Protein backbone atom coordinates (compact mmCIF):
# COMPACT_ATOMS: atom_id res chain seq x y z
CA MET A 1 60.38 178.86 -100.09
CA LYS A 2 57.57 176.53 -99.02
CA VAL A 3 57.38 172.75 -99.16
CA LEU A 4 55.27 170.21 -98.93
CA LEU A 5 56.45 167.01 -97.18
CA ASP A 6 53.81 164.09 -97.95
CA SER A 7 53.10 161.51 -94.87
CA SER A 8 55.01 159.21 -95.61
CA GLY A 9 57.96 161.70 -95.38
CA TRP A 10 57.13 162.78 -91.88
CA ILE A 11 56.71 159.10 -90.51
CA GLU A 12 59.73 158.43 -92.25
CA PHE A 13 61.75 160.83 -90.54
CA PHE A 14 59.81 161.25 -87.07
CA THR A 15 60.47 156.92 -86.93
CA ASP A 16 63.57 157.15 -87.97
CA GLY A 17 63.26 154.94 -90.73
CA PRO A 18 66.40 153.88 -93.87
CA LEU A 19 65.38 157.58 -95.57
CA ALA A 20 64.92 159.46 -92.51
CA ASN A 21 68.17 161.47 -93.01
CA ARG A 22 66.93 162.25 -96.72
CA TYR A 23 64.05 164.49 -95.57
CA ALA A 24 65.93 165.61 -92.21
CA ALA A 25 68.10 167.49 -94.98
CA TYR A 26 64.98 169.47 -95.97
CA LEU A 27 64.46 170.46 -92.23
CA THR A 28 66.00 173.39 -92.33
CA PRO A 29 65.24 177.45 -91.74
CA LYS A 30 65.66 177.99 -95.68
CA TYR A 31 62.18 175.95 -95.70
CA GLN A 32 58.54 176.70 -95.24
CA PHE A 33 56.47 173.81 -94.21
CA ILE A 34 52.76 173.75 -95.03
CA THR A 35 50.81 171.10 -93.70
CA PRO A 36 47.60 169.42 -95.30
CA THR A 37 45.27 168.30 -92.51
CA ILE A 38 45.00 165.12 -94.09
CA VAL A 39 48.78 164.79 -93.57
CA LEU A 40 48.35 165.96 -90.27
CA TYR A 41 45.79 163.06 -89.60
CA GLU A 42 47.69 160.02 -91.44
CA VAL A 43 50.69 160.84 -89.20
CA TYR A 44 49.00 160.97 -86.30
CA LYS A 45 47.02 157.72 -87.53
CA LYS A 46 49.79 155.59 -88.36
CA ILE A 47 52.36 156.17 -85.38
CA LYS A 48 49.14 155.92 -82.92
CA ARG A 49 48.36 152.60 -84.40
CA GLU A 50 52.37 151.29 -84.77
CA ARG A 51 53.27 153.16 -81.55
CA ASP A 52 50.99 154.82 -78.58
CA GLU A 53 48.53 157.25 -78.85
CA GLU A 54 51.07 159.59 -76.54
CA THR A 55 53.56 159.50 -79.41
CA GLY A 56 50.84 159.88 -82.17
CA LEU A 57 50.01 163.10 -80.37
CA LEU A 58 53.46 164.21 -80.00
CA PHE A 59 54.15 164.31 -83.15
CA ALA A 60 51.32 165.78 -84.61
CA GLY A 61 51.69 168.46 -82.45
CA ARG A 62 55.30 168.87 -84.25
CA LEU A 63 53.56 169.35 -87.63
CA SER A 64 51.31 171.74 -85.93
CA ALA A 65 54.23 174.05 -85.70
CA THR A 66 54.09 174.14 -89.88
CA GLU A 67 51.64 175.92 -91.75
CA VAL A 68 48.48 173.88 -91.25
CA VAL A 69 46.14 174.51 -94.09
CA PRO A 70 42.91 172.63 -95.10
CA LEU A 71 43.54 169.97 -98.27
CA THR A 72 41.87 171.94 -100.93
CA GLU A 73 41.73 171.27 -104.97
CA SER A 74 44.25 173.93 -105.54
CA ILE A 75 46.64 172.44 -103.01
CA ALA A 76 46.15 168.75 -104.25
CA PHE A 77 47.21 169.99 -107.70
């Protein structure tokens, strides 16, 4: 099953926020993730701002392991 996790979900998971465990439940081999390029950018930008560039790049690299796709109208809808 393909799943699209939005920026806030990835940020919550990567920063071990209060809802991280809820998002972690989806991070199993059962699901195949697609990541729109805008999500990749938003996660990088927020983590870089709140932590540092190296950490932002590290997390963006982890998202690159998913199926990164351009954000098209059909995906947006």
